[in-house]
Every structure is written in C-alpha cells, then in structure tokens.
Amino acid sequence: MSQLNFYVPEKIEKKIKEAAKKKKMSISSYVAELVKQTMDEKPKSLINSQLLSLGGAWQGEFAELERGAPQERED
C-alpha cells in the first residue's frame, strides 16, 4: 500500500481527528476510506459539470429526425 503525505489547515485536522474517533478508526484509515469513496463513485456534481461542459461544444448542423406518421391509440 502506498503512503501519501499532505497538509491541511488545523481546523480540518481537528475535524478529521474527531470524525475518525467517532468511527473508532485510525486517522489514516478514516482518510483512506474518504478518498476511496470519492474515487470509487464519481460525485454527481462532477458528472453534471462534465455534461454541462459539453454545452456549446457541437459544431455543424443537427441532423433532421425522420418522424413516422402518428399512430392511433387503442384504449
């Protein structure tokens, strides 16, 4: 398993320590689980931003859709 080092503000450190303690986890395990959840499931906001970034990206004309004749409904 790899080891990562990173810096966080003291307020965040305190919150991480409290949350890990509540879950009865080591800080390392707690942070690793948060990262794993984030990486395993793309957040909806990320997916939405990727979809929105496509807006205006189309160049050229849209193809005409062929529509068949309307059909009668049988109730």
N, C-alpha and C. Protein backbone atom coordinates (compact mmCIF):
# COMPACT_ATOMS: atom_id res chain seq x y z
N MET A 1 0.84 -1.16 0.00
CA MET A 1 0.00 0.00 0.00
C MET A 1 0.90 1.23 0.00
N SER A 2 0.49 2.25 -0.76
CA SER A 2 1.27 3.49 -0.85
C SER A 2 1.01 4.39 0.35
N GLN A 3 1.94 5.27 0.57
CA GLN A 3 1.82 6.24 1.64
C GLN A 3 1.81 7.63 1.02
N LEU A 4 0.88 8.47 1.45
CA LEU A 4 0.79 9.84 0.96
C LEU A 4 0.93 10.80 2.14
N ASN A 5 1.54 11.91 1.88
CA ASN A 5 1.65 12.98 2.89
C ASN A 5 1.01 14.22 2.30
N PHE A 6 0.21 14.91 3.12
CA PHE A 6 -0.41 16.14 2.66
C PHE A 6 -0.64 17.05 3.85
N TYR A 7 -0.89 18.31 3.55
CA TYR A 7 -1.08 19.32 4.59
C TYR A 7 -2.52 19.80 4.57
N VAL A 8 -3.07 20.00 5.77
CA VAL A 8 -4.41 20.55 5.91
C VAL A 8 -4.37 21.63 6.99
N PRO A 9 -5.27 22.58 6.93
CA PRO A 9 -5.35 23.58 8.00
C PRO A 9 -5.69 22.89 9.34
N GLU A 10 -5.31 23.53 10.43
CA GLU A 10 -5.52 22.94 11.75
C GLU A 10 -7.00 22.65 12.03
N LYS A 11 -7.90 23.50 11.53
CA LYS A 11 -9.33 23.27 11.73
C LYS A 11 -9.76 21.95 11.08
N ILE A 12 -9.25 21.69 9.90
CA ILE A 12 -9.59 20.46 9.19
C ILE A 12 -8.98 19.26 9.91
N GLU A 13 -7.76 19.41 10.37
CA GLU A 13 -7.11 18.33 11.12
C GLU A 13 -7.96 17.94 12.33
N LYS A 14 -8.45 18.92 13.04
CA LYS A 14 -9.27 18.67 14.23
C LYS A 14 -10.54 17.92 13.84
N LYS A 15 -11.19 18.35 12.77
CA LYS A 15 -12.42 17.70 12.32
C LYS A 15 -12.15 16.25 11.90
N ILE A 16 -11.04 16.03 11.22
CA ILE A 16 -10.68 14.67 10.79
C ILE A 16 -10.45 13.78 12.00
N LYS A 17 -9.71 14.29 12.97
CA LYS A 17 -9.43 13.51 14.17
C LYS A 17 -10.72 13.16 14.92
N GLU A 18 -11.63 14.14 15.05
CA GLU A 18 -12.89 13.91 15.74
C GLU A 18 -13.74 12.88 15.00
N ALA A 19 -13.82 13.01 13.70
CA ALA A 19 -14.63 12.08 12.90
C ALA A 19 -14.06 10.66 12.96
N ALA A 20 -12.75 10.54 12.88
CA ALA A 20 -12.11 9.22 12.96
C ALA A 20 -12.36 8.59 14.32
N LYS A 21 -12.28 9.40 15.36
CA LYS A 21 -12.50 8.90 16.72
C LYS A 21 -13.94 8.40 16.88
N LYS A 22 -14.90 9.16 16.34
CA LYS A 22 -16.31 8.76 16.41
C LYS A 22 -16.55 7.41 15.73
N LYS A 23 -15.83 7.18 14.65
CA LYS A 23 -16.00 5.93 13.90
C LYS A 23 -15.08 4.83 14.41
N LYS A 24 -14.30 5.16 15.45
CA LYS A 24 -13.35 4.21 16.03
C LYS A 24 -12.37 3.69 14.98
N MET A 25 -11.85 4.64 14.21
CA MET A 25 -10.89 4.33 13.16
C MET A 25 -9.62 5.14 13.40
N SER A 26 -8.52 4.65 12.86
CA SER A 26 -7.31 5.47 12.87
C SER A 26 -7.52 6.61 11.88
N ILE A 27 -6.76 7.66 12.06
CA ILE A 27 -6.86 8.80 11.14
C ILE A 27 -6.52 8.34 9.72
N SER A 28 -5.49 7.53 9.60
CA SER A 28 -5.07 7.03 8.30
C SER A 28 -6.19 6.24 7.62
N SER A 29 -6.80 5.33 8.38
CA SER A 29 -7.89 4.51 7.82
C SER A 29 -9.09 5.36 7.44
N TYR A 30 -9.40 6.33 8.28
CA TYR A 30 -10.54 7.20 8.02
C TYR A 30 -10.34 8.01 6.74
N VAL A 31 -9.17 8.64 6.62
CA VAL A 31 -8.89 9.45 5.42
C VAL A 31 -8.84 8.55 4.17
N ALA A 32 -8.24 7.38 4.32
CA ALA A 32 -8.17 6.45 3.18
C ALA A 32 -9.57 6.05 2.73
N GLU A 33 -10.48 5.83 3.67
CA GLU A 33 -11.85 5.46 3.32
C GLU A 33 -12.56 6.61 2.61
N LEU A 34 -12.35 7.84 3.07
CA LEU A 34 -12.94 9.00 2.40
C LEU A 34 -12.45 9.12 0.96
N VAL A 35 -11.16 8.94 0.78
CA VAL A 35 -10.58 9.04 -0.56
C VAL A 35 -11.12 7.91 -1.44
N LYS A 36 -11.18 6.71 -0.90
CA LYS A 36 -11.69 5.56 -1.67
C LYS A 36 -13.12 5.80 -2.12
N GLN A 37 -13.97 6.29 -1.21
CA GLN A 37 -15.36 6.57 -1.57
C GLN A 37 -15.44 7.61 -2.68
N THR A 38 -14.60 8.62 -2.57
CA THR A 38 -14.59 9.69 -3.57
C THR A 38 -14.14 9.17 -4.93
N MET A 39 -13.16 8.30 -4.93
CA MET A 39 -12.61 7.81 -6.19
C MET A 39 -13.49 6.71 -6.81
N ASP A 40 -14.16 5.91 -5.97
CA ASP A 40 -15.00 4.83 -6.48
C ASP A 40 -16.29 5.33 -7.09
N GLU A 41 -16.84 6.37 -6.52
CA GLU A 41 -18.11 6.90 -7.00
C GLU A 41 -17.89 8.32 -7.47
N LYS A 42 -18.08 8.55 -8.76
CA LYS A 42 -17.94 9.91 -9.25
C LYS A 42 -19.06 10.74 -8.63
N PRO A 43 -18.71 11.81 -7.99
CA PRO A 43 -19.75 12.67 -7.43
C PRO A 43 -20.67 13.19 -8.52
N LYS A 44 -21.95 13.29 -8.21
CA LYS A 44 -22.90 13.78 -9.21
C LYS A 44 -22.52 15.15 -9.72
N SER A 45 -21.98 15.99 -8.84
CA SER A 45 -21.60 17.33 -9.28
C SER A 45 -20.51 17.26 -10.34
N LEU A 46 -19.59 16.30 -10.22
CA LEU A 46 -18.54 16.16 -11.22
C LEU A 46 -19.14 15.68 -12.54
N ILE A 47 -20.03 14.70 -12.47
CA ILE A 47 -20.69 14.20 -13.68
C ILE A 47 -21.47 15.33 -14.33
N ASN A 48 -22.24 16.07 -13.52
CA ASN A 48 -23.02 17.17 -14.07
C ASN A 48 -22.13 18.23 -14.71
N SER A 49 -21.00 18.54 -14.07
CA SER A 49 -20.12 19.55 -14.65
C SER A 49 -19.52 19.06 -15.96
N GLN A 50 -19.25 17.75 -16.04
CA GLN A 50 -18.72 17.21 -17.30
C GLN A 50 -19.78 17.29 -18.39
N LEU A 51 -21.04 17.02 -18.04
CA LEU A 51 -22.12 17.11 -19.02
C LEU A 51 -22.33 18.56 -19.45
N LEU A 52 -22.31 19.47 -18.48
CA LEU A 52 -22.51 20.88 -18.80
C LEU A 52 -21.39 21.43 -19.66
N SER A 53 -20.19 20.89 -19.50
CA SER A 53 -19.07 21.37 -20.30
C SER A 53 -19.24 21.03 -21.77
N LEU A 54 -20.11 20.07 -22.06
CA LEU A 54 -20.37 19.72 -23.45
C LEU A 54 -21.26 20.75 -24.13
N GLY A 55 -22.00 21.51 -23.34
CA GLY A 55 -22.90 22.51 -23.90
C GLY A 55 -22.13 23.49 -24.77
N GLY A 56 -22.64 23.71 -25.97
CA GLY A 56 -21.99 24.63 -26.88
C GLY A 56 -20.81 24.02 -27.61
N ALA A 57 -20.54 22.74 -27.35
CA ALA A 57 -19.39 22.10 -27.98
C ALA A 57 -19.71 21.59 -29.38
N TRP A 58 -20.99 21.46 -29.71
CA TRP A 58 -21.38 20.91 -31.01
C TRP A 58 -21.08 21.93 -32.10
N GLN A 59 -20.47 21.47 -33.16
CA GLN A 59 -20.22 22.32 -34.31
C GLN A 59 -20.88 21.68 -35.52
N GLY A 60 -21.47 22.48 -36.34
CA GLY A 60 -22.13 21.95 -37.53
C GLY A 60 -23.64 21.96 -37.35
N GLU A 61 -24.30 21.34 -38.30
CA GLU A 61 -25.76 21.30 -38.29
C GLU A 61 -26.24 20.02 -37.61
N PHE A 62 -27.41 20.12 -36.98
CA PHE A 62 -28.02 18.93 -36.41
C PHE A 62 -28.72 18.15 -37.50
N ALA A 63 -28.65 16.86 -37.41
CA ALA A 63 -29.31 16.00 -38.39
C ALA A 63 -30.82 16.09 -38.21
N GLU A 64 -31.54 16.06 -39.31
CA GLU A 64 -33.00 16.06 -39.26
C GLU A 64 -33.48 14.69 -38.81
N LEU A 65 -34.47 14.67 -37.95
CA LEU A 65 -35.04 13.41 -37.50
C LEU A 65 -36.18 13.01 -38.42
N GLU A 66 -36.22 11.75 -38.78
CA GLU A 66 -37.33 11.26 -39.58
C GLU A 66 -38.43 10.82 -38.64
N ARG A 67 -39.58 11.42 -38.81
CA ARG A 67 -40.70 11.07 -37.95
C ARG A 67 -41.73 10.32 -38.77
N GLY A 68 -42.17 9.21 -38.21
CA GLY A 68 -43.21 8.44 -38.87
C GLY A 68 -44.56 9.10 -38.66
N ALA A 69 -45.55 8.59 -39.33
CA ALA A 69 -46.90 9.12 -39.19
C ALA A 69 -47.42 8.79 -37.79
N PRO A 70 -48.23 9.68 -37.21
CA PRO A 70 -48.78 9.39 -35.88
C PRO A 70 -49.62 8.12 -35.91
N GLN A 71 -49.59 7.40 -34.83
CA GLN A 71 -50.35 6.15 -34.74
C GLN A 71 -51.54 6.36 -33.81
N GLU A 72 -52.64 5.68 -34.13
CA GLU A 72 -53.84 5.73 -33.30
C GLU A 72 -53.60 4.91 -32.04
N ARG A 73 -54.10 5.41 -30.92
CA ARG A 73 -54.02 4.67 -29.66
C ARG A 73 -55.23 3.77 -29.52
N GLU A 74 -54.98 2.59 -29.03
CA GLU A 74 -56.08 1.68 -28.73
C GLU A 74 -56.29 1.70 -27.22
N ASP A 75 -57.44 2.19 -26.79
CA ASP A 75 -57.71 2.26 -25.35
C ASP A 75 -58.26 0.99 -24.80
